[in-house]
Amino acid sequence: MEPINIAIIVAVYFIAAFYSSLAGGASLLTIPTLIFVGLSPHTALGTNKIGTFGLSAGASLGYGMEDKIDYKFSTIFMVFLVIGAAAGSYTVL
């Protein structure tokens, strides 16, 4: 991949992270950018999930350190998250 493409991706991910911290939905910016620089849609979705994992992990760590997570309530949502992720992956493939 060319250096200019990497610079574009890094810039868009910084903007998307800022946008995501305010309103969520960074994938609206990142997936089209990854496809624009030449990645296939499947690769773009997978690559975006790595970035999304990093954003979510960082936010979860921050909330966890401040004891702002209700783990009992979160566990219920995690079950639905796994089901939804599997269904979404199957749909895309």
PDB file of N, CA and C in Angstrom:
ATOM      1  N   MET A   1       0.843  -1.173   0.000  1.00  0.00           N
ATOM      2  CA  MET A   1       0.000   0.000   0.000  1.00  0.00           C
ATOM      3  C   MET A   1       0.890   1.238   0.000  1.00  0.00           C
ATOM      4  N   GLU A   2       0.495   2.231  -0.741  1.00  0.00           N
ATOM      5  CA  GLU A   2       1.292   3.450  -0.876  1.00  0.00           C
ATOM      6  C   GLU A   2       1.223   4.299   0.401  1.00  0.00           C
ATOM      7  N   PRO A   3       2.277   5.064   0.677  1.00  0.00           N
ATOM      8  CA  PRO A   3       2.293   5.905   1.887  1.00  0.00           C
ATOM      9  C   PRO A   3       1.149   6.921   1.923  1.00  0.00           C
ATOM     10  N   ILE A   4       0.752   7.450   0.781  1.00  0.00           N
ATOM     11  CA  ILE A   4      -0.340   8.430   0.781  1.00  0.00           C
ATOM     12  C   ILE A   4      -1.646   7.779   1.221  1.00  0.00           C
ATOM     13  N   ASN A   5      -1.849   6.526   0.812  1.00  0.00           N
ATOM     14  CA  ASN A   5      -3.060   5.809   1.237  1.00  0.00           C
ATOM     15  C   ASN A   5      -3.062   5.571   2.740  1.00  0.00           C
ATOM     16  N   ILE A   6      -1.915   5.216   3.281  1.00  0.00           N
ATOM     17  CA  ILE A   6      -1.803   5.011   4.724  1.00  0.00           C
ATOM     18  C   ILE A   6      -2.069   6.319   5.464  1.00  0.00           C
ATOM     19  N   ALA A   7      -1.538   7.427   4.945  1.00  0.00           N
ATOM     20  CA  ALA A   7      -1.760   8.741   5.566  1.00  0.00           C
ATOM     21  C   ALA A   7      -3.246   9.106   5.542  1.00  0.00           C
ATOM     22  N   ILE A   8      -3.913   8.801   4.443  1.00  0.00           N
ATOM     23  CA  ILE A   8      -5.356   9.085   4.346  1.00  0.00           C
ATOM     24  C   ILE A   8      -6.126   8.262   5.375  1.00  0.00           C
ATOM     25  N   ILE A   9      -5.790   6.981   5.472  1.00  0.00           N
ATOM     26  CA  ILE A   9      -6.483   6.105   6.424  1.00  0.00           C
ATOM     27  C   ILE A   9      -6.261   6.584   7.859  1.00  0.00           C
ATOM     28  N   VAL A  10      -5.031   6.935   8.206  1.00  0.00           N
ATOM     29  CA  VAL A  10      -4.731   7.398   9.564  1.00  0.00           C
ATOM     30  C   VAL A  10      -5.503   8.678   9.867  1.00  0.00           C
ATOM     31  N   ALA A  11      -5.509   9.613   8.930  1.00  0.00           N
ATOM     32  CA  ALA A  11      -6.232  10.873   9.139  1.00  0.00           C
ATOM     33  C   ALA A  11      -7.725  10.629   9.327  1.00  0.00           C
ATOM     34  N   VAL A  12      -8.301   9.790   8.488  1.00  0.00           N
ATOM     35  CA  VAL A  12      -9.736   9.513   8.597  1.00  0.00           C
ATOM     36  C   VAL A  12     -10.047   8.802   9.913  1.00  0.00           C
ATOM     37  N   TYR A  13      -9.197   7.888  10.344  1.00  0.00           N
ATOM     38  CA  TYR A  13      -9.455   7.188  11.606  1.00  0.00           C
ATOM     39  C   TYR A  13      -9.383   8.131  12.797  1.00  0.00           C
ATOM     40  N   PHE A  14      -8.481   9.120  12.774  1.00  0.00           N
ATOM     41  CA  PHE A  14      -8.448  10.102  13.851  1.00  0.00           C
ATOM     42  C   PHE A  14      -9.722  10.935  13.871  1.00  0.00           C
ATOM     43  N   ILE A  15     -10.168  11.367  12.707  1.00  0.00           N
ATOM     44  CA  ILE A  15     -11.419  12.131  12.614  1.00  0.00           C
ATOM     45  C   ILE A  15     -12.592  11.267  13.051  1.00  0.00           C
ATOM     46  N   ALA A  16     -12.613  10.021  12.611  1.00  0.00           N
ATOM     47  CA  ALA A  16     -13.708   9.109  12.966  1.00  0.00           C
ATOM     48  C   ALA A  16     -13.726   8.829  14.468  1.00  0.00           C
ATOM     49  N   ALA A  17     -12.560   8.691  15.091  1.00  0.00           N
ATOM     50  CA  ALA A  17     -12.504   8.454  16.534  1.00  0.00           C
ATOM     51  C   ALA A  17     -13.078   9.645  17.291  1.00  0.00           C
ATOM     52  N   PHE A  18     -12.756  10.847  16.837  1.00  0.00           N
ATOM     53  CA  PHE A  18     -13.309  12.049  17.463  1.00  0.00           C
ATOM     54  C   PHE A  18     -14.821  12.090  17.277  1.00  0.00           C
ATOM     55  N   TYR A  19     -15.272  11.820  16.061  1.00  0.00           N
ATOM     56  CA  TYR A  19     -16.708  11.818  15.762  1.00  0.00           C
ATOM     57  C   TYR A  19     -17.420  10.741  16.577  1.00  0.00           C
ATOM     58  N   SER A  20     -16.813   9.585  16.676  1.00  0.00           N
ATOM     59  CA  SER A  20     -17.412   8.476  17.410  1.00  0.00           C
ATOM     60  C   SER A  20     -17.538   8.793  18.891  1.00  0.00           C
ATOM     61  N   SER A  21     -16.577   9.522  19.434  1.00  0.00           N
ATOM     62  CA  SER A  21     -16.660   9.874  20.847  1.00  0.00           C
ATOM     63  C   SER A  21     -17.804  10.845  21.118  1.00  0.00           C
ATOM     64  N   LEU A  22     -18.201  11.607  20.120  1.00  0.00           N
ATOM     65  CA  LEU A  22     -19.312  12.553  20.283  1.00  0.00           C
ATOM     66  C   LEU A  22     -20.664  11.924  19.988  1.00  0.00           C
ATOM     67  N   ALA A  23     -20.755  11.183  18.882  1.00  0.00           N
ATOM     68  CA  ALA A  23     -22.068  10.713  18.441  1.00  0.00           C
ATOM     69  C   ALA A  23     -22.102   9.240  18.078  1.00  0.00           C
ATOM     70  N   GLY A  24     -20.980   8.590  17.933  1.00  0.00           N
ATOM     71  CA  GLY A  24     -20.958   7.197  17.499  1.00  0.00           C
ATOM     72  C   GLY A  24     -21.067   7.088  15.987  1.00  0.00           C
ATOM     73  N   GLY A  25     -20.855   5.914  15.463  1.00  0.00           N
ATOM     74  CA  GLY A  25     -21.007   5.702  14.031  1.00  0.00           C
ATOM     75  C   GLY A  25     -19.790   6.041  13.205  1.00  0.00           C
ATOM     76  N   ALA A  26     -18.611   5.748  13.697  1.00  0.00           N
ATOM     77  CA  ALA A  26     -17.384   6.045  12.965  1.00  0.00           C
ATOM     78  C   ALA A  26     -17.280   5.246  11.673  1.00  0.00           C
ATOM     79  N   SER A  27     -17.966   4.120  11.604  1.00  0.00           N
ATOM     80  CA  SER A  27     -17.899   3.274  10.410  1.00  0.00           C
ATOM     81  C   SER A  27     -18.449   3.967   9.167  1.00  0.00           C
ATOM     82  N   LEU A  28     -19.283   4.965   9.354  1.00  0.00           N
ATOM     83  CA  LEU A  28     -19.785   5.737   8.216  1.00  0.00           C
ATOM     84  C   LEU A  28     -18.656   6.446   7.475  1.00  0.00           C
ATOM     85  N   LEU A  29     -17.578   6.724   8.178  1.00  0.00           N
ATOM     86  CA  LEU A  29     -16.423   7.379   7.564  1.00  0.00           C
ATOM     87  C   LEU A  29     -15.338   6.381   7.161  1.00  0.00           C
ATOM     88  N   THR A  30     -15.109   5.388   8.004  1.00  0.00           N
ATOM     89  CA  THR A  30     -13.946   4.532   7.798  1.00  0.00           C
ATOM     90  C   THR A  30     -14.131   3.489   6.700  1.00  0.00           C
ATOM     91  N   ILE A  31     -15.285   2.857   6.622  1.00  0.00           N
ATOM     92  CA  ILE A  31     -15.481   1.807   5.612  1.00  0.00           C
ATOM     93  C   ILE A  31     -15.393   2.368   4.190  1.00  0.00           C
ATOM     94  N   PRO A  32     -16.081   3.470   3.868  1.00  0.00           N
ATOM     95  CA  PRO A  32     -15.911   4.016   2.514  1.00  0.00           C
ATOM     96  C   PRO A  32     -14.472   4.434   2.205  1.00  0.00           C
ATOM     97  N   THR A  33     -13.755   4.928   3.215  1.00  0.00           N
ATOM     98  CA  THR A  33     -12.359   5.318   2.998  1.00  0.00           C
ATOM     99  C   THR A  33     -11.510   4.102   2.672  1.00  0.00           C
ATOM    100  N   LEU A  34     -11.697   3.011   3.406  1.00  0.00           N
ATOM    101  CA  LEU A  34     -10.927   1.799   3.146  1.00  0.00           C
ATOM    102  C   LEU A  34     -11.229   1.237   1.759  1.00  0.00           C
ATOM    103  N   ILE A  35     -12.484   1.285   1.344  1.00  0.00           N
ATOM    104  CA  ILE A  35     -12.830   0.825  -0.002  1.00  0.00           C
ATOM    105  C   ILE A  35     -12.243   1.762  -1.054  1.00  0.00           C
ATOM    106  N   PHE A  36     -12.241   3.074  -0.773  1.00  0.00           N
ATOM    107  CA  PHE A  36     -11.696   4.069  -1.698  1.00  0.00           C
ATOM    108  C   PHE A  36     -10.204   3.854  -1.961  1.00  0.00           C
ATOM    109  N   VAL A  37      -9.455   3.439  -0.941  1.00  0.00           N
ATOM    110  CA  VAL A  37      -8.012   3.240  -1.127  1.00  0.00           C
ATOM    111  C   VAL A  37      -7.680   1.883  -1.723  1.00  0.00           C
ATOM    112  N   GLY A  38      -8.710   1.067  -2.007  1.00  0.00           N
ATOM    113  CA  GLY A  38      -8.458  -0.144  -2.762  1.00  0.00           C
ATOM    114  C   GLY A  38      -8.723  -1.464  -2.065  1.00  0.00           C
ATOM    115  N   LEU A  39      -9.188  -1.456  -0.835  1.00  0.00           N
ATOM    116  CA  LEU A  39      -9.485  -2.716  -0.167  1.00  0.00           C
ATOM    117  C   LEU A  39     -10.822  -3.262  -0.662  1.00  0.00           C
ATOM    118  N   SER A  40     -10.934  -4.572  -0.682  1.00  0.00           N
ATOM    119  CA  SER A  40     -12.208  -5.192  -1.045  1.00  0.00           C
ATOM    120  C   SER A  40     -13.201  -4.936   0.096  1.00  0.00           C
ATOM    121  N   PRO A  41     -14.497  -4.983  -0.199  1.00  0.00           N
ATOM    122  CA  PRO A  41     -15.478  -4.747   0.868  1.00  0.00           C
ATOM    123  C   PRO A  41     -15.324  -5.680   2.072  1.00  0.00           C
ATOM    124  N   HIS A  42     -15.027  -6.963   1.835  1.00  0.00           N
ATOM    125  CA  HIS A  42     -14.856  -7.890   2.960  1.00  0.00           C
ATOM    126  C   HIS A  42     -13.640  -7.515   3.802  1.00  0.00           C
ATOM    127  N   THR A  43     -12.560  -7.155   3.149  1.00  0.00           N
ATOM    128  CA  THR A  43     -11.347  -6.758   3.868  1.00  0.00           C
ATOM    129  C   THR A  43     -11.574  -5.447   4.609  1.00  0.00           C
ATOM    130  N   ALA A  44     -12.302  -4.524   3.976  1.00  0.00           N
ATOM    131  CA  ALA A  44     -12.604  -3.237   4.618  1.00  0.00           C
ATOM    132  C   ALA A  44     -13.437  -3.442   5.878  1.00  0.00           C
ATOM    133  N   LEU A  45     -14.428  -4.327   5.815  1.00  0.00           N
ATOM    134  CA  LEU A  45     -15.249  -4.598   6.999  1.00  0.00           C
ATOM    135  C   LEU A  45     -14.420  -5.218   8.122  1.00  0.00           C
ATOM    136  N   GLY A  46     -13.572  -6.173   7.780  1.00  0.00           N
ATOM    137  CA  GLY A  46     -12.724  -6.805   8.791  1.00  0.00           C
ATOM    138  C   GLY A  46     -11.725  -5.838   9.400  1.00  0.00           C
ATOM    139  N   THR A  47     -11.107  -5.028   8.562  1.00  0.00           N
ATOM    140  CA  THR A  47     -10.149  -4.033   9.036  1.00  0.00           C
ATOM    141  C   THR A  47     -10.829  -3.017   9.929  1.00  0.00           C
ATOM    142  N   ASN A  48     -12.029  -2.604   9.551  1.00  0.00           N
ATOM    143  CA  ASN A  48     -12.775  -1.648  10.352  1.00  0.00           C
ATOM    144  C   ASN A  48     -13.124  -2.230  11.723  1.00  0.00           C
ATOM    145  N   LYS A  49     -13.421  -3.512  11.774  1.00  0.00           N
ATOM    146  CA  LYS A  49     -13.759  -4.132  13.055  1.00  0.00           C
ATOM    147  C   LYS A  49     -12.570  -4.116  14.011  1.00  0.00           C
ATOM    148  N   ILE A  50     -11.357  -4.210  13.479  1.00  0.00           N
ATOM    149  CA  ILE A  50     -10.167  -4.124  14.333  1.00  0.00           C
ATOM    150  C   ILE A  50     -10.096  -2.738  14.970  1.00  0.00           C
ATOM    151  N   GLY A  51     -10.320  -1.697  14.175  1.00  0.00           N
ATOM    152  CA  GLY A  51     -10.321  -0.335  14.701  1.00  0.00           C
ATOM    153  C   GLY A  51     -11.448  -0.098  15.689  1.00  0.00           C
ATOM    154  N   THR A  52     -12.613  -0.639  15.389  1.00  0.00           N
ATOM    155  CA  THR A  52     -13.758  -0.495  16.274  1.00  0.00           C
ATOM    156  C   THR A  52     -13.507  -1.195  17.604  1.00  0.00           C
ATOM    157  N   PHE A  53     -12.857  -2.353  17.537  1.00  0.00           N
ATOM    158  CA  PHE A  53     -12.503  -3.063  18.768  1.00  0.00           C
ATOM    159  C   PHE A  53     -11.600  -2.203  19.642  1.00  0.00           C
ATOM    160  N   GLY A  54     -10.635  -1.543  19.023  1.00  0.00           N
ATOM    161  CA  GLY A  54      -9.731  -0.672  19.783  1.00  0.00           C
ATOM    162  C   GLY A  54     -10.464   0.480  20.447  1.00  0.00           C
ATOM    163  N   LEU A  55     -11.386   1.107  19.719  1.00  0.00           N
ATOM    164  CA  LEU A  55     -12.169   2.205  20.292  1.00  0.00           C
ATOM    165  C   LEU A  55     -13.024   1.712  21.454  1.00  0.00           C
ATOM    166  N   SER A  56     -13.685   0.584  21.253  1.00  0.00           N
ATOM    167  CA  SER A  56     -14.559   0.040  22.297  1.00  0.00           C
ATOM    168  C   SER A  56     -13.765  -0.420  23.512  1.00  0.00           C
ATOM    169  N   ALA A  57     -12.629  -1.056  23.269  1.00  0.00           N
ATOM    170  CA  ALA A  57     -11.799  -1.524  24.382  1.00  0.00           C
ATOM    171  C   ALA A  57     -11.287  -0.354  25.205  1.00  0.00           C
ATOM    172  N   GLY A  58     -10.872   0.701  24.541  1.00  0.00           N
ATOM    173  CA  GLY A  58     -10.396   1.882  25.259  1.00  0.00           C
ATOM    174  C   GLY A  58     -11.485   2.533  26.091  1.00  0.00           C
ATOM    175  N   ALA A  59     -12.672   2.652  25.512  1.00  0.00           N
ATOM    176  CA  ALA A  59     -13.790   3.242  26.247  1.00  0.00           C
ATOM    177  C   ALA A  59     -14.194   2.357  27.425  1.00  0.00           C
ATOM    178  N   SER A  60     -14.228   1.044  27.194  1.00  0.00           N
ATOM    179  CA  SER A  60     -14.597   0.115  28.269  1.00  0.00           C
ATOM    180  C   SER A  60     -13.586   0.156  29.404  1.00  0.00           C
ATOM    181  N   LEU A  61     -12.321   0.243  29.059  1.00  0.00           N
ATOM    182  CA  LEU A  61     -11.280   0.325  30.086  1.00  0.00           C
ATOM    183  C   LEU A  61     -11.462   1.582  30.934  1.00  0.00           C
ATOM    184  N   GLY A  62     -11.733   2.695  30.263  1.00  0.00           N
ATOM    185  CA  GLY A  62     -11.954   3.949  30.992  1.00  0.00           C
ATOM    186  C   GLY A  62     -13.149   3.883  31.919  1.00  0.00           C
ATOM    187  N   TYR A  63     -14.269   3.361  31.418  1.00  0.00           N
ATOM    188  CA  TYR A  63     -15.457   3.221  32.256  1.00  0.00           C
ATOM    189  C   TYR A  63     -15.242   2.212  33.378  1.00  0.00           C
ATOM    190  N   GLY A  64     -14.526   1.130  33.089  1.00  0.00           N
ATOM    191  CA  GLY A  64     -14.255   0.122  34.110  1.00  0.00           C
ATOM    192  C   GLY A  64     -13.400   0.661  35.234  1.00  0.00           C
ATOM    193  N   MET A  65     -12.418   1.480  34.903  1.00  0.00           N
ATOM    194  CA  MET A  65     -11.546   2.052  35.927  1.00  0.00           C
ATOM    195  C   MET A  65     -12.296   3.039  36.820  1.00  0.00           C
ATOM    196  N   GLU A  66     -13.378   3.618  36.285  1.00  0.00           N
ATOM    197  CA  GLU A  66     -14.181   4.550  37.073  1.00  0.00           C
ATOM    198  C   GLU A  66     -15.382   3.863  37.727  1.00  0.00           C
ATOM    199  N   ASP A  67     -15.452   2.533  37.652  1.00  0.00           N
ATOM    200  CA  ASP A  67     -16.546   1.737  38.229  1.00  0.00           C
ATOM    201  C   ASP A  67     -17.922   2.204  37.749  1.00  0.00           C
ATOM    202  N   LYS A  68     -18.037   2.445  36.452  1.00  0.00           N
ATOM    203  CA  LYS A  68     -19.302   2.894  35.873  1.00  0.00           C
ATOM    204  C   LYS A  68     -19.972   1.814  35.023  1.00  0.00           C
ATOM    205  N   ILE A  69     -19.557   0.553  35.193  1.00  0.00           N
ATOM    206  CA  ILE A  69     -20.117  -0.533  34.390  1.00  0.00           C
ATOM    207  C   ILE A  69     -20.971  -1.416  35.278  1.00  0.00           C
ATOM    208  N   ASP A  70     -22.196  -1.659  34.843  1.00  0.00           N
ATOM    209  CA  ASP A  70     -23.085  -2.612  35.507  1.00  0.00           C
ATOM    210  C   ASP A  70     -22.880  -3.957  34.811  1.00  0.00           C
ATOM    211  N   TYR A  71     -22.058  -4.819  35.392  1.00  0.00           N
ATOM    212  CA  TYR A  71     -21.653  -6.060  34.739  1.00  0.00           C
ATOM    213  C   TYR A  71     -22.820  -7.035  34.553  1.00  0.00           C
ATOM    214  N   LYS A  72     -23.767  -7.056  35.472  1.00  0.00           N
ATOM    215  CA  LYS A  72     -24.911  -7.956  35.342  1.00  0.00           C
ATOM    216  C   LYS A  72     -25.750  -7.560  34.122  1.00  0.00           C
ATOM    217  N   PHE A  73     -26.022  -6.288  33.979  1.00  0.00           N
ATOM    218  CA  PHE A  73     -26.797  -5.781  32.852  1.00  0.00           C
ATOM    219  C   PHE A  73     -26.022  -5.931  31.540  1.00  0.00           C
ATOM    220  N   SER A  74     -24.720  -5.718  31.595  1.00  0.00           N
ATOM    221  CA  SER A  74     -23.870  -5.822  30.404  1.00  0.00           C
ATOM    222  C   SER A  74     -23.813  -7.241  29.864  1.00  0.00           C
ATOM    223  N   THR A  75     -23.857  -8.223  30.757  1.00  0.00           N
ATOM    224  CA  THR A  75     -23.786  -9.621  30.335  1.00  0.00           C
ATOM    225  C   THR A  75     -24.964  -9.988  29.441  1.00  0.00           C
ATOM    226  N   ILE A  76     -26.139  -9.476  29.763  1.00  0.00           N
ATOM    227  CA  ILE A  76     -27.325  -9.731  28.937  1.00  0.00           C
ATOM    228  C   ILE A  76     -27.105  -9.189  27.530  1.00  0.00           C
ATOM    229  N   PHE A  77     -26.586  -7.975  27.429  1.00  0.00           N
ATOM    230  CA  PHE A  77     -26.349  -7.379  26.122  1.00  0.00           C
ATOM    231  C   PHE A  77     -25.241  -8.089  25.355  1.00  0.00           C
ATOM    232  N   MET A  78     -24.273  -8.648  26.066  1.00  0.00           N
ATOM    233  CA  MET A  78     -23.190  -9.358  25.392  1.00  0.00           C
ATOM    234  C   MET A  78     -23.699 -10.608  24.686  1.00  0.00           C
ATOM    235  N   VAL A  79     -24.702 -11.251  25.250  1.00  0.00           N
ATOM    236  CA  VAL A  79     -25.289 -12.421  24.595  1.00  0.00           C
ATOM    237  C   VAL A  79     -25.898 -12.002  23.252  1.00  0.00           C
ATOM    238  N   PHE A  80     -26.666 -10.918  23.265  1.00  0.00           N
ATOM    239  CA  PHE A  80     -27.275 -10.438  22.027  1.00  0.00           C
ATOM    240  C   PHE A  80     -26.227  -9.907  21.046  1.00  0.00           C
ATOM    241  N   LEU A  81     -25.135  -9.360  21.572  1.00  0.00           N
ATOM    242  CA  LEU A  81     -24.050  -8.872  20.731  1.00  0.00           C
ATOM    243  C   LEU A  81     -23.421 -10.016  19.948  1.00  0.00           C
ATOM    244  N   VAL A  82     -23.174 -11.129  20.609  1.00  0.00           N
ATOM    245  CA  VAL A  82     -22.573 -12.285  19.940  1.00  0.00           C
ATOM    246  C   VAL A  82     -23.514 -12.836  18.871  1.00  0.00           C
ATOM    247  N   ILE A  83     -24.792 -12.944  19.194  1.00  0.00           N
ATOM    248  CA  ILE A  83     -25.773 -13.426  18.227  1.00  0.00           C
ATOM    249  C   ILE A  83     -25.842 -12.487  17.027  1.00  0.00           C
ATOM    250  N   GLY A  84     -25.900 -11.186  17.283  1.00  0.00           N
ATOM    251  CA  GLY A  84     -25.961 -10.206  16.198  1.00  0.00           C
ATOM    252  C   GLY A  84     -24.702 -10.188  15.341  1.00  0.00           C
ATOM    253  N   ALA A  85     -23.542 -10.336  15.984  1.00  0.00           N
ATOM    254  CA  ALA A  85     -22.284 -10.355  15.234  1.00  0.00           C
ATOM    255  C   ALA A  85     -22.212 -11.573  14.315  1.00  0.00           C
ATOM    256  N   ALA A  86     -22.645 -12.724  14.837  1.00  0.00           N
ATOM    257  CA  ALA A  86     -22.642 -13.934  14.021  1.00  0.00           C
ATOM    258  C   ALA A  86     -23.618 -13.806  12.854  1.00  0.00           C
ATOM    259  N   ALA A  87     -24.799 -13.285  13.125  1.00  0.00           N
ATOM    260  CA  ALA A  87     -25.794 -13.105  12.065  1.00  0.00           C
ATOM    261  C   ALA A  87     -25.315 -12.104  11.022  1.00  0.00           C
ATOM    262  N   GLY A  88     -24.691 -11.021  11.462  1.00  0.00           N
ATOM    263  CA  GLY A  88     -24.182 -10.021  10.517  1.00  0.00           C
ATOM    264  C   GLY A  88     -23.056 -10.559   9.668  1.00  0.00           C
ATOM    265  N   SER A  89     -22.143 -11.310  10.264  1.00  0.00           N
ATOM    266  CA  SER A  89     -21.038 -11.906   9.500  1.00  0.00           C
ATOM    267  C   SER A  89     -21.555 -12.902   8.483  1.00  0.00           C
ATOM    268  N   TYR A  90     -22.511 -13.704   8.904  1.00  0.00           N
ATOM    269  CA  TYR A  90     -23.096 -14.687   7.985  1.00  0.00           C
ATOM    270  C   TYR A  90     -23.797 -13.983   6.825  1.00  0.00           C
ATOM    271  N   THR A  91     -24.484 -12.893   7.104  1.00  0.00           N
ATOM    272  CA  THR A  91     -25.194 -12.135   6.062  1.00  0.00           C
ATOM    273  C   THR A  91     -24.219 -11.537   5.054  1.00  0.00           C
ATOM    274  N   VAL A  92     -23.123 -10.979   5.536  1.00  0.00           N
ATOM    275  CA  VAL A  92     -22.143 -10.366   4.654  1.00  0.00           C
ATOM    276  C   VAL A  92     -21.487 -11.407   3.748  1.00  0.00           C
ATOM    277  N   LEU A  93     -21.175 -12.562   4.325  1.00  0.00           N
ATOM    278  CA  LEU A  93     -20.533 -13.610   3.525  1.00  0.00           C
ATOM    279  C   LEU A  93     -21.523 -14.245   2.566  1.00  0.00           C
TER     280      LEU A  93
END
